[in-house]
C-alpha atoms as a PDB file:
ATOM      1  CA  MET A   1    -111.161 -40.012 200.363  1.00  0.00           C
ATOM      2  CA  TYR A   2    -114.382 -41.592 199.079  1.00  0.00           C
ATOM      3  CA  ASP A   3    -114.221 -40.674 195.381  1.00  0.00           C
ATOM      4  CA  GLN A   4    -114.612 -44.306 194.346  1.00  0.00           C
ATOM      5  CA  LEU A   5    -117.031 -45.431 197.112  1.00  0.00           C
ATOM      6  CA  SER A   6    -120.724 -46.009 196.455  1.00  0.00           C
ATOM      7  CA  LEU A   7    -123.115 -46.871 199.281  1.00  0.00           C
ATOM      8  CA  MET A   8    -126.581 -48.069 198.355  1.00  0.00           C
ATOM      9  CA  SER A   9    -129.506 -49.543 200.241  1.00  0.00           C
ATOM     10  CA  GLY A  10    -132.304 -51.977 199.659  1.00  0.00           C
ATOM     11  CA  ARG A  11    -135.687 -51.453 201.273  1.00  0.00           C
ATOM     12  CA  ALA A  12    -135.023 -53.494 204.421  1.00  0.00           C
ATOM     13  CA  ASN A  13    -133.448 -50.707 206.511  1.00  0.00           C
ATOM     14  CA  PRO A  14    -132.974 -47.414 204.623  1.00  0.00           C
ATOM     15  CA  ALA A  15    -132.787 -45.403 207.864  1.00  0.00           C
ATOM     16  CA  LEU A  16    -129.652 -47.271 208.959  1.00  0.00           C
ATOM     17  CA  ALA A  17    -128.130 -46.777 205.493  1.00  0.00           C
ATOM     18  CA  GLN A  18    -128.754 -43.022 205.757  1.00  0.00           C
ATOM     19  CA  GLU A  19    -127.070 -42.925 209.181  1.00  0.00           C
ATOM     20  CA  ILE A  20    -124.029 -44.727 207.771  1.00  0.00           C
ATOM     21  CA  ALA A  21    -123.916 -42.332 204.814  1.00  0.00           C
ATOM     22  CA  SER A  22    -123.976 -39.385 207.242  1.00  0.00           C
ATOM     23  CA  TYR A  23    -121.154 -40.950 209.268  1.00  0.00           C
ATOM     24  CA  LEU A  24    -119.049 -41.321 206.110  1.00  0.00           C
ATOM     25  CA  GLY A  25    -120.065 -37.951 204.695  1.00  0.00           C
ATOM     26  CA  VAL A  26    -121.351 -39.409 201.413  1.00  0.00           C
ATOM     27  CA  GLU A  27    -124.654 -39.487 199.569  1.00  0.00           C
ATOM     28  CA  LEU A  28    -126.556 -42.735 199.125  1.00  0.00           C
ATOM     29  CA  ALA A  29    -126.405 -44.007 195.558  1.00  0.00           C
ATOM     30  CA  ALA A  30    -129.648 -43.524 193.662  1.00  0.00           C
ATOM     31  CA  VAL A  31    -131.508 -46.816 193.218  1.00  0.00           C
ATOM     32  CA  SER A  32    -135.075 -47.406 192.064  1.00  0.00           C
ATOM     33  CA  ILE A  33    -136.690 -50.502 193.603  1.00  0.00           C
ATOM     34  CA  GLY A  34    -140.282 -51.541 193.061  1.00  0.00           C
ATOM     35  CA  ASN A  35    -142.559 -54.422 192.227  1.00  0.00           C
ATOM     36  CA  PHE A  36    -144.210 -55.487 189.002  1.00  0.00           C
ATOM     37  CA  PRO A  37    -147.955 -56.287 189.170  1.00  0.00           C
ATOM     38  CA  ASP A  38    -147.124 -59.978 189.740  1.00  0.00           C
ATOM     39  CA  MET A  39    -144.847 -58.925 192.675  1.00  0.00           C
ATOM     40  CA  GLU A  40    -141.592 -59.675 190.864  1.00  0.00           C
ATOM     41  CA  LEU A  41    -138.911 -57.210 191.923  1.00  0.00           C
ATOM     42  CA  SER A  42    -137.829 -54.336 189.700  1.00  0.00           C
ATOM     43  CA  VAL A  43    -134.367 -52.825 190.349  1.00  0.00           C
ATOM     44  CA  ARG A  44    -132.571 -50.085 188.449  1.00  0.00           C
ATOM     45  CA  LEU A  45    -129.345 -48.265 189.353  1.00  0.00           C
ATOM     46  CA  GLU A  46    -129.857 -44.580 188.611  1.00  0.00           C
ATOM     47  CA  GLN A  47    -126.181 -43.614 188.439  1.00  0.00           C
ATOM     48  CA  ASN A  48    -122.905 -44.856 187.027  1.00  0.00           C
ATOM     49  CA  ILE A  49    -120.949 -47.239 189.322  1.00  0.00           C
ATOM     50  CA  ARG A  50    -118.399 -48.517 186.778  1.00  0.00           C
ATOM     51  CA  GLY A  51    -115.083 -49.182 188.495  1.00  0.00           C
ATOM     52  CA  ARG A  52    -116.408 -48.198 191.937  1.00  0.00           C
ATOM     53  CA  ASP A  53    -116.158 -49.845 195.356  1.00  0.00           C
ATOM     54  CA  VAL A  54    -119.826 -50.619 196.077  1.00  0.00           C
ATOM     55  CA  PHE A  55    -121.346 -51.376 199.487  1.00  0.00           C
ATOM     56  CA  ILE A  56    -124.932 -52.697 199.528  1.00  0.00           C
ATOM     57  CA  LEU A  57    -126.732 -52.433 202.867  1.00  0.00           C
ATOM     58  CA  GLN A  58    -129.556 -54.961 203.227  1.00  0.00           C
ATOM     59  CA  PRO A  59    -130.327 -57.005 206.353  1.00  0.00           C
ATOM     60  CA  THR A  60    -132.223 -60.165 205.437  1.00  0.00           C
ATOM     61  CA  SER A  61    -134.830 -59.508 208.118  1.00  0.00           C
ATOM     62  CA  PRO A  62    -138.548 -60.406 207.898  1.00  0.00           C
ATOM     63  CA  PRO A  63    -139.942 -60.790 205.316  1.00  0.00           C
ATOM     64  CA  VAL A  64    -136.703 -62.733 204.896  1.00  0.00           C
ATOM     65  CA  ASN A  65    -137.270 -64.150 201.415  1.00  0.00           C
ATOM     66  CA  ASP A  66    -138.263 -60.775 199.941  1.00  0.00           C
ATOM     67  CA  HIS A  67    -135.268 -58.980 201.415  1.00  0.00           C
ATOM     68  CA  LEU A  68    -132.880 -61.780 200.432  1.00  0.00           C
ATOM     69  CA  MET A  69    -134.085 -61.777 196.835  1.00  0.00           C
ATOM     70  CA  GLU A  70    -133.812 -57.991 196.725  1.00  0.00           C
ATOM     71  CA  LEU A  71    -130.192 -58.249 197.904  1.00  0.00           C
ATOM     72  CA  LEU A  72    -129.350 -60.851 195.252  1.00  0.00           C
ATOM     73  CA  ILE A  73    -130.841 -58.709 192.475  1.00  0.00           C
ATOM     74  CA  LEU A  74    -128.959 -55.625 193.705  1.00  0.00           C
ATOM     75  CA  ILE A  75    -125.715 -57.619 193.632  1.00  0.00           C
ATOM     76  CA  ASP A  76    -126.428 -58.791 190.091  1.00  0.00           C
ATOM     77  CA  ALA A  77    -127.275 -55.256 188.964  1.00  0.00           C
ATOM     78  CA  CYS A  78    -124.002 -53.929 190.381  1.00  0.00           C
ATOM     79  CA  LYS A  79    -122.002 -56.757 188.845  1.00  0.00           C
ATOM     80  CA  ARG A  80    -123.514 -56.131 185.396  1.00  0.00           C
ATOM     81  CA  ALA A  81    -122.899 -52.393 185.820  1.00  0.00           C
ATOM     82  CA  SER A  82    -119.146 -53.143 186.107  1.00  0.00           C
ATOM     83  CA  ALA A  83    -118.580 -52.360 189.783  1.00  0.00           C
ATOM     84  CA  GLU A  84    -114.945 -52.941 190.765  1.00  0.00           C
ATOM     85  CA  ARG A  85    -115.822 -54.602 194.092  1.00  0.00           C
ATOM     86  CA  ILE A  86    -119.136 -55.470 195.758  1.00  0.00           C
ATOM     87  CA  THR A  87    -119.428 -55.745 199.541  1.00  0.00           C
ATOM     88  CA  CYS A  88    -122.704 -56.902 201.047  1.00  0.00           C
ATOM     89  CA  VAL A  89    -123.390 -55.193 204.368  1.00  0.00           C
ATOM     90  CA  VAL A  90    -125.832 -57.576 206.059  1.00  0.00           C
ATOM     91  CA  PRO A  91    -126.299 -56.411 209.677  1.00  0.00           C
ATOM     92  CA  TYR A  92    -128.731 -59.269 210.313  1.00  0.00           C
ATOM     93  CA  PHE A  93    -128.165 -62.555 208.466  1.00  0.00           C
ATOM     94  CA  GLY A  94    -131.409 -64.496 208.099  1.00  0.00           C
ATOM     95  CA  TYR A  95    -131.533 -68.315 208.038  1.00  0.00           C
ATOM     96  CA  ALA A  96    -128.531 -68.334 210.407  1.00  0.00           C
ATOM     97  CA  ARG A  97    -130.211 -70.760 212.825  1.00  0.00           C
ATOM     98  CA  GLN A  98    -130.375 -73.440 210.104  1.00  0.00           C
ATOM     99  CA  ASP A  99    -126.615 -73.981 210.256  1.00  0.00           C
ATOM    100  CA  ARG A 100    -126.366 -77.774 210.716  1.00  0.00           C
ATOM    101  CA  LYS A 101    -128.198 -81.063 210.196  1.00  0.00           C
ATOM    102  CA  ASP A 102    -129.814 -81.606 213.584  1.00  0.00           C
ATOM    103  CA  ALA A 103    -132.333 -84.104 212.182  1.00  0.00           C
ATOM    104  CA  GLY A 104    -132.595 -86.426 209.214  1.00  0.00           C
ATOM    105  CA  ARG A 105    -133.410 -85.089 205.733  1.00  0.00           C
ATOM    106  CA  VAL A 106    -133.137 -81.373 206.574  1.00  0.00           C
ATOM    107  CA  PRO A 107    -131.164 -78.695 204.670  1.00  0.00           C
ATOM    108  CA  ILE A 108    -128.314 -76.504 205.879  1.00  0.00           C
ATOM    109  CA  THR A 109    -130.015 -73.341 204.698  1.00  0.00           C
ATOM    110  CA  ALA A 110    -127.380 -70.947 206.073  1.00  0.00           C
ATOM    111  CA  LYS A 111    -124.854 -72.513 203.684  1.00  0.00           C
ATOM    112  CA  LEU A 112    -127.336 -72.288 200.798  1.00  0.00           C
ATOM    113  CA  VAL A 113    -127.871 -68.567 201.420  1.00  0.00           C
ATOM    114  CA  ALA A 114    -124.110 -68.014 201.650  1.00  0.00           C
ATOM    115  CA  ASN A 115    -123.741 -69.746 198.260  1.00  0.00           C
ATOM    116  CA  LEU A 116    -126.489 -67.596 196.739  1.00  0.00           C
ATOM    117  CA  ILE A 117    -124.829 -64.357 197.867  1.00  0.00           C
ATOM    118  CA  THR A 118    -121.428 -65.509 196.609  1.00  0.00           C
ATOM    119  CA  LYS A 119    -122.696 -66.798 193.265  1.00  0.00           C
ATOM    120  CA  ALA A 120    -124.680 -63.610 192.692  1.00  0.00           C
ATOM    121  CA  GLY A 121    -121.365 -61.750 192.601  1.00  0.00           C
ATOM    122  CA  ALA A 122    -120.497 -60.506 196.104  1.00  0.00           C
ATOM    123  CA  ASP A 123    -116.757 -60.068 196.704  1.00  0.00           C
ATOM    124  CA  ARG A 124    -117.003 -59.827 200.500  1.00  0.00           C
ATOM    125  CA  VAL A 125    -119.563 -59.704 203.311  1.00  0.00           C
ATOM    126  CA  LEU A 126    -119.802 -57.452 206.357  1.00  0.00           C
ATOM    127  CA  THR A 127    -122.155 -58.652 209.079  1.00  0.00           C
ATOM    128  CA  VAL A 128    -122.924 -58.283 212.793  1.00  0.00           C
ATOM    129  CA  ASP A 129    -123.399 -60.971 215.469  1.00  0.00           C
ATOM    130  CA  LEU A 130    -124.042 -64.105 213.445  1.00  0.00           C
ATOM    131  CA  HIS A 131    -126.115 -66.642 215.356  1.00  0.00           C
ATOM    132  CA  ALA A 132    -123.157 -69.025 215.023  1.00  0.00           C
ATOM    133  CA  ALA A 133    -119.663 -67.681 214.283  1.00  0.00           C
ATOM    134  CA  GLN A 134    -118.776 -70.706 212.133  1.00  0.00           C
ATOM    135  CA  ILE A 135    -121.200 -69.460 209.459  1.00  0.00           C
ATOM    136  CA  GLN A 136    -118.292 -67.285 208.295  1.00  0.00           C
ATOM    137  CA  GLY A 137    -116.807 -70.490 206.911  1.00  0.00           C
ATOM    138  CA  PHE A 138    -119.874 -71.083 204.736  1.00  0.00           C
ATOM    139  CA  PHE A 139    -118.801 -68.202 202.475  1.00  0.00           C
ATOM    140  CA  ASP A 140    -116.149 -68.570 199.804  1.00  0.00           C
ATOM    141  CA  VAL A 141    -115.383 -64.831 200.034  1.00  0.00           C
ATOM    142  CA  PRO A 142    -113.921 -62.802 202.934  1.00  0.00           C
ATOM    143  CA  VAL A 143    -116.309 -62.120 205.830  1.00  0.00           C
ATOM    144  CA  ASP A 144    -115.889 -59.334 208.375  1.00  0.00           C
ATOM    145  CA  HIS A 145    -117.876 -60.379 211.454  1.00  0.00           C
ATOM    146  CA  LEU A 146    -118.480 -57.487 213.854  1.00  0.00           C
ATOM    147  CA  TYR A 147    -119.898 -57.596 217.386  1.00  0.00           C
ATOM    148  CA  ALA A 148    -122.366 -55.091 218.814  1.00  0.00           C
ATOM    149  CA  ALA A 149    -121.576 -55.996 222.452  1.00  0.00           C
ATOM    150  CA  PRO A 150    -119.181 -53.050 223.049  1.00  0.00           C
ATOM    151  CA  VAL A 151    -121.815 -50.610 221.768  1.00  0.00           C
ATOM    152  CA  ILE A 152    -124.522 -52.160 223.963  1.00  0.00           C
ATOM    153  CA  ASP A 153    -122.215 -52.282 226.999  1.00  0.00           C
ATOM    154  CA  GLN A 154    -121.463 -48.567 226.634  1.00  0.00           C
ATOM    155  CA  TYR A 155    -125.171 -47.917 227.099  1.00  0.00           C
ATOM    156  CA  PHE A 156    -125.379 -50.008 230.256  1.00  0.00           C
ATOM    157  CA  GLN A 157    -122.225 -48.365 231.601  1.00  0.00           C
ATOM    158  CA  SER A 158    -123.947 -45.003 231.114  1.00  0.00           C
ATOM    159  CA  LEU A 159    -126.711 -46.164 233.493  1.00  0.00           C
ATOM    160  CA  GLU A 160    -124.062 -46.337 236.257  1.00  0.00           C
ATOM    161  CA  LEU A 161    -125.358 -49.609 237.665  1.00  0.00           C
ATOM    162  CA  SER A 162    -123.451 -50.690 240.773  1.00  0.00           C
ATOM    163  CA  PRO A 163    -121.329 -53.818 240.028  1.00  0.00           C
ATOM    164  CA  ASP A 164    -122.125 -55.124 243.533  1.00  0.00           C
ATOM    165  CA  GLN A 165    -125.845 -55.052 242.735  1.00  0.00           C
ATOM    166  CA  LEU A 166    -125.585 -56.233 239.122  1.00  0.00           C
ATOM    167  CA  VAL A 167    -126.125 -59.743 237.770  1.00  0.00           C
ATOM    168  CA  VAL A 168    -125.577 -60.726 234.120  1.00  0.00           C
ATOM    169  CA  MET A 169    -127.866 -63.601 233.166  1.00  0.00           C
ATOM    170  CA  SER A 170    -127.213 -66.024 230.319  1.00  0.00           C
ATOM    171  CA  PRO A 171    -130.617 -67.184 228.955  1.00  0.00           C
ATOM    172  CA  ASP A 172    -129.197 -70.631 228.122  1.00  0.00           C
ATOM    173  CA  GLU A 173    -125.990 -72.643 228.289  1.00  0.00           C
ATOM    174  CA  GLY A 174    -125.056 -71.706 224.715  1.00  0.00           C
ATOM    175  CA  SER A 175    -124.810 -67.995 225.594  1.00  0.00           C
ATOM    176  CA  ILE A 176    -122.366 -68.351 228.505  1.00  0.00           C
ATOM    177  CA  LYS A 177    -119.328 -67.064 226.579  1.00  0.00           C
ATOM    178  CA  ARG A 178    -121.284 -64.017 225.424  1.00  0.00           C
ATOM    179  CA  ALA A 179    -122.458 -63.322 228.973  1.00  0.00           C
ATOM    180  CA  LEU A 180    -118.917 -63.625 230.369  1.00  0.00           C
ATOM    181  CA  LYS A 181    -117.679 -60.968 227.941  1.00  0.00           C
ATOM    182  CA  HIS A 182    -120.409 -58.617 229.159  1.00  0.00           C
ATOM    183  CA  VAL A 183    -119.365 -59.318 232.758  1.00  0.00           C
ATOM    184  CA  ASP A 184    -115.779 -58.359 231.860  1.00  0.00           C
ATOM    185  CA  ARG A 185    -116.953 -54.984 230.541  1.00  0.00           C
ATOM    186  CA  ILE A 186    -119.776 -53.924 232.879  1.00  0.00           C
ATOM    187  CA  GLY A 187    -118.991 -55.981 235.981  1.00  0.00           C
ATOM    188  CA  GLY A 188    -121.386 -57.953 238.131  1.00  0.00           C
ATOM    189  CA  SER A 189    -121.756 -61.696 238.689  1.00  0.00           C
ATOM    190  CA  LEU A 190    -122.972 -64.404 236.292  1.00  0.00           C
ATOM    191  CA  VAL A 191    -125.993 -66.695 236.506  1.00  0.00           C
ATOM    192  CA  ILE A 192    -127.253 -69.176 233.905  1.00  0.00           C
ATOM    193  CA  VAL A 193    -130.760 -70.335 233.034  1.00  0.00           C
ATOM    194  CA  ASP A 194    -131.164 -74.048 232.363  1.00  0.00           C
ATOM    195  CA  LYS A 195    -133.330 -73.907 229.215  1.00  0.00           C
ATOM    196  CA  ARG A 196    -135.024 -76.898 227.614  1.00  0.00           C
ATOM    197  CA  ARG A 197    -136.418 -76.495 224.077  1.00  0.00           C
ATOM    198  CA  SER A 198    -139.697 -78.306 223.365  1.00  0.00           C
ATOM    199  CA  ASN A 199    -139.870 -77.326 219.668  1.00  0.00           C
ATOM    200  CA  ALA A 200    -138.975 -74.449 217.332  1.00  0.00           C
ATOM    201  CA  MET A 201    -141.570 -72.189 218.985  1.00  0.00           C
ATOM    202  CA  GLU A 202    -141.539 -73.256 222.648  1.00  0.00           C
ATOM    203  CA  THR A 203    -138.902 -73.371 225.376  1.00  0.00           C
ATOM    204  CA  ARG A 204    -139.043 -74.190 229.082  1.00  0.00           C
ATOM    205  CA  GLN A 205    -136.836 -72.569 231.696  1.00  0.00           C
ATOM    206  CA  ALA A 206    -136.151 -75.231 234.327  1.00  0.00           C
ATOM    207  CA  ASN A 207    -133.518 -74.056 236.835  1.00  0.00           C
ATOM    208  CA  LEU A 208    -131.224 -71.170 237.726  1.00  0.00           C
ATOM    209  CA  ILE A 209    -127.513 -71.923 238.016  1.00  0.00           C
ATOM    210  CA  GLY A 210    -125.628 -69.487 240.254  1.00  0.00           C
ATOM    211  CA  GLY A 211    -126.862 -66.625 242.368  1.00  0.00           C
ATOM    212  CA  PRO A 212    -128.196 -65.250 244.606  1.00  0.00           C
ATOM    213  CA  ILE A 213    -129.984 -62.501 242.675  1.00  0.00           C
ATOM    214  CA  GLU A 214    -132.514 -61.333 245.264  1.00  0.00           C
ATOM    215  CA  GLY A 215    -132.737 -57.536 245.383  1.00  0.00           C
ATOM    216  CA  LYS A 216    -130.294 -57.106 242.477  1.00  0.00           C
ATOM    217  CA  THR A 217    -130.526 -55.705 238.952  1.00  0.00           C
ATOM    218  CA  VAL A 218    -130.461 -58.453 236.323  1.00  0.00           C
ATOM    219  CA  VAL A 219    -129.384 -57.863 232.710  1.00  0.00           C
ATOM    220  CA  ILE A 220    -130.123 -60.643 230.201  1.00  0.00           C
ATOM    221  CA  PHE A 221    -128.083 -60.656 226.977  1.00  0.00           C
ATOM    222  CA  ASP A 222    -128.780 -62.640 223.794  1.00  0.00           C
ATOM    223  CA  ASP A 223    -127.887 -62.337 220.110  1.00  0.00           C
ATOM    224  CA  MET A 224    -131.517 -61.969 218.995  1.00  0.00           C
ATOM    225  CA  ILE A 225    -135.078 -61.762 220.257  1.00  0.00           C
ATOM    226  CA  ALA A 226    -137.289 -63.679 217.832  1.00  0.00           C
ATOM    227  CA  THR A 227    -140.493 -64.983 219.429  1.00  0.00           C
ATOM    228  CA  ALA A 228    -139.217 -63.778 222.847  1.00  0.00           C
ATOM    229  CA  GLY A 229    -139.943 -67.128 224.502  1.00  0.00           C
ATOM    230  CA  SER A 230    -136.407 -67.630 225.827  1.00  0.00           C
ATOM    231  CA  ILE A 231    -135.817 -64.062 226.955  1.00  0.00           C
ATOM    232  CA  CYS A 232    -139.224 -63.692 228.651  1.00  0.00           C
ATOM    233  CA  GLY A 233    -138.797 -67.080 230.327  1.00  0.00           C
ATOM    234  CA  ALA A 234    -135.412 -65.978 231.672  1.00  0.00           C
ATOM    235  CA  ALA A 235    -136.938 -62.690 232.895  1.00  0.00           C
ATOM    236  CA  ARG A 236    -139.683 -64.630 234.665  1.00  0.00           C
ATOM    237  CA  ILE A 237    -137.103 -66.841 236.397  1.00  0.00           C
ATOM    238  CA  ALA A 238    -135.206 -63.711 237.497  1.00  0.00           C
ATOM    239  CA  MET A 239    -138.327 -62.162 239.038  1.00  0.00           C
ATOM    240  CA  GLN A 240    -139.255 -65.440 240.742  1.00  0.00           C
ATOM    241  CA  HIS A 241    -135.838 -65.422 242.423  1.00  0.00           C
ATOM    242  CA  GLY A 242    -136.337 -61.896 243.759  1.00  0.00           C
ATOM    243  CA  ALA A 243    -134.636 -59.632 241.208  1.00  0.00           C
ATOM    244  CA  ARG A 244    -135.305 -55.942 241.790  1.00  0.00           C
ATOM    245  CA  ASP A 245    -135.153 -54.884 238.120  1.00  0.00           C
ATOM    246  CA  VAL A 246    -134.735 -56.823 234.868  1.00  0.00           C
ATOM    247  CA  PHE A 247    -133.245 -55.460 231.637  1.00  0.00           C
ATOM    248  CA  VAL A 248    -133.162 -57.548 228.460  1.00  0.00           C
ATOM    249  CA  SER A 249    -130.862 -56.855 225.538  1.00  0.00           C
ATOM    250  CA  ALA A 250    -130.106 -58.338 222.125  1.00  0.00           C
ATOM    251  CA  THR A 251    -128.328 -57.228 218.992  1.00  0.00           C
ATOM    252  CA  HIS A 252    -131.183 -58.152 216.651  1.00  0.00           C
ATOM    253  CA  GLY A 253    -134.768 -57.253 217.526  1.00  0.00           C
ATOM    254  CA  VAL A 254    -136.551 -59.643 215.157  1.00  0.00           C
ATOM    255  CA  LEU A 255    -139.663 -59.535 217.402  1.00  0.00           C
ATOM    256  CA  CYS A 256    -141.780 -61.834 215.243  1.00  0.00           C
ATOM    257  CA  GLY A 257    -145.079 -63.553 215.966  1.00  0.00           C
ATOM    258  CA  PRO A 258    -146.167 -63.149 219.598  1.00  0.00           C
ATOM    259  CA  ALA A 259    -142.961 -61.367 220.680  1.00  0.00           C
ATOM    260  CA  PRO A 260    -144.405 -57.822 221.085  1.00  0.00           C
ATOM    261  CA  GLN A 261    -147.274 -59.111 223.218  1.00  0.00           C
ATOM    262  CA  LYS A 262    -144.993 -61.323 225.340  1.00  0.00           C
ATOM    263  CA  LEU A 263    -142.565 -58.463 225.943  1.00  0.00           C
ATOM    264  CA  ALA A 264    -145.388 -56.055 226.766  1.00  0.00           C
ATOM    265  CA  GLU A 265    -146.659 -58.472 229.411  1.00  0.00           C
ATOM    266  CA  ALA A 266    -143.219 -59.337 230.825  1.00  0.00           C
ATOM    267  CA  GLN A 267    -141.956 -57.676 233.996  1.00  0.00           C
ATOM    268  CA  VAL A 268    -139.066 -56.003 232.190  1.00  0.00           C
ATOM    269  CA  ARG A 269    -137.840 -52.492 232.879  1.00  0.00           C
ATOM    270  CA  GLU A 270    -136.196 -51.957 229.479  1.00  0.00           C
ATOM    271  CA  ILE A 271    -135.641 -53.849 226.218  1.00  0.00           C
ATOM    272  CA  VAL A 272    -132.393 -52.786 224.533  1.00  0.00           C
ATOM    273  CA  VAL A 273    -131.789 -53.673 220.869  1.00  0.00           C
ATOM    274  CA  THR A 274    -129.727 -52.243 218.029  1.00  0.00           C
ATOM    275  CA  ASN A 275    -131.060 -50.851 214.756  1.00  0.00           C
ATOM    276  CA  SER A 276    -129.685 -53.782 212.727  1.00  0.00           C
ATOM    277  CA  ILE A 277    -133.359 -54.450 211.934  1.00  0.00           C
ATOM    278  CA  ALA A 278    -135.893 -51.685 211.327  1.00  0.00           C
ATOM    279  CA  LEU A 279    -138.682 -52.018 213.890  1.00  0.00           C
ATOM    280  CA  LYS A 280    -142.297 -51.855 212.742  1.00  0.00           C
ATOM    281  CA  PRO A 281    -144.713 -49.534 214.600  1.00  0.00           C
ATOM    282  CA  GLU A 282    -146.300 -52.406 216.524  1.00  0.00           C
ATOM    283  CA  GLN A 283    -142.837 -53.491 217.722  1.00  0.00           C
ATOM    284  CA  LYS A 284    -141.923 -50.091 219.184  1.00  0.00           C
ATOM    285  CA  LEU A 285    -143.022 -50.725 222.760  1.00  0.00           C
ATOM    286  CA  PRO A 286    -142.708 -47.861 225.290  1.00  0.00           C
ATOM    287  CA  ASN A 287    -139.799 -49.579 227.040  1.00  0.00           C
ATOM    288  CA  VAL A 288    -137.847 -50.455 223.876  1.00  0.00           C
ATOM    289  CA  LYS A 289    -134.511 -48.639 223.602  1.00  0.00           C
ATOM    290  CA  THR A 290    -132.791 -48.709 220.200  1.00  0.00           C
ATOM    291  CA  ILE A 291    -129.026 -48.209 219.968  1.00  0.00           C
ATOM    292  CA  SER A 292    -127.435 -47.322 216.634  1.00  0.00           C
ATOM    293  CA  ILE A 293    -124.661 -49.443 215.131  1.00  0.00           C
ATOM    294  CA  ALA A 294    -124.220 -46.984 212.244  1.00  0.00           C
ATOM    295  CA  PRO A 295    -120.831 -45.727 213.551  1.00  0.00           C
ATOM    296  CA  LEU A 296    -119.601 -49.322 213.931  1.00  0.00           C
ATOM    297  CA  LEU A 297    -120.622 -50.263 210.378  1.00  0.00           C
ATOM    298  CA  GLY A 298    -119.523 -46.909 208.983  1.00  0.00           C
ATOM    299  CA  GLU A 299    -116.038 -47.276 210.443  1.00  0.00           C
ATOM    300  CA  ALA A 300    -115.781 -50.813 209.075  1.00  0.00           C
ATOM    301  CA  ILE A 301    -116.836 -49.623 205.606  1.00  0.00           C
ATOM    302  CA  ARG A 302    -114.297 -46.787 205.758  1.00  0.00           C
ATOM    303  CA  ARG A 303    -111.480 -49.181 206.660  1.00  0.00           C
ATOM    304  CA  ILE A 304    -112.462 -51.797 204.076  1.00  0.00           C
ATOM    305  CA  HIS A 305    -112.622 -49.141 201.354  1.00  0.00           C
ATOM    306  CA  ARG A 306    -109.153 -47.851 202.292  1.00  0.00           C
ATOM    307  CA  ASN A 307    -107.741 -51.406 202.668  1.00  0.00           C
ATOM    308  CA  GLU A 308    -107.010 -50.818 206.346  1.00  0.00           C
ATOM    309  CA  SER A 309    -107.258 -53.313 209.202  1.00  0.00           C
ATOM    310  CA  VAL A 310    -110.680 -53.805 210.762  1.00  0.00           C
ATOM    311  CA  SER A 311    -109.526 -56.367 213.334  1.00  0.00           C
ATOM    312  CA  TYR A 312    -109.839 -54.040 216.340  1.00  0.00           C
ATOM    313  CA  LEU A 313    -113.565 -53.649 215.554  1.00  0.00           C
ATOM    314  CA  PHE A 314    -114.059 -57.388 216.122  1.00  0.00           C
ATOM    315  CA  SER A 315    -113.372 -57.123 219.862  1.00  0.00           C
END
């Protein structure tokens, strides 16, 4: 079934790549990746991939520039080694928040990164929970955009939370559609936090729209937790309005800067993230729960390799 499939990994998340390989029942392709004394990257493919269907797993997570450059060099190496098709599996797409000109004289970096991946030689891209779905249109190659929400919702369903005592909270107005989909799957009512952004690092949670939430379990969903300002602010609002327990969840646990400290100090029962990004030791707080998306990505890779439909995985 997989005679012509090669799965390889950069250094951003080798554990996830190994899980996907186990799901597919294949061995990871042998790749040597290192750094020259001046920190330039050194990449060498240690096996023949001529005429093969190659999948490169590499989230462009922090350090974003290093992991992005590593991905581009891996693509180029595969292209020059005569791979038949190259699919970039990018569970977390960095620079996704720079997707428009929201001020004068600024770049649209998400489009630039899409161009770099395409020009390097990628034939298609497989990704999970882009910060903005329209980024798919920045690529001039096919993009399969998966959602981790069903996987995350299965976990919360396993907790057997009573729908009558459950509230799904949207941390801002832009996440309402995402929150409504979670409500459809796990039940409960919806409330929205009125968030005002002061700058790139600071946000202010002003009001709560909806309710009441007193004595109920609140679950806050977002696509990513970066500095944790928004999610911790929403959790604080929930506790101020009398929530009994607060869970926070996101697909991508970026957890940069002060995020680990903020989350450690927040009154949060559990922090649920996927393994789209490999967590560093200092990010693995006692109440962090990591859910694997390896089966989701593995099934998508299997279907792409066999030229089967992957549309049902989008829902």
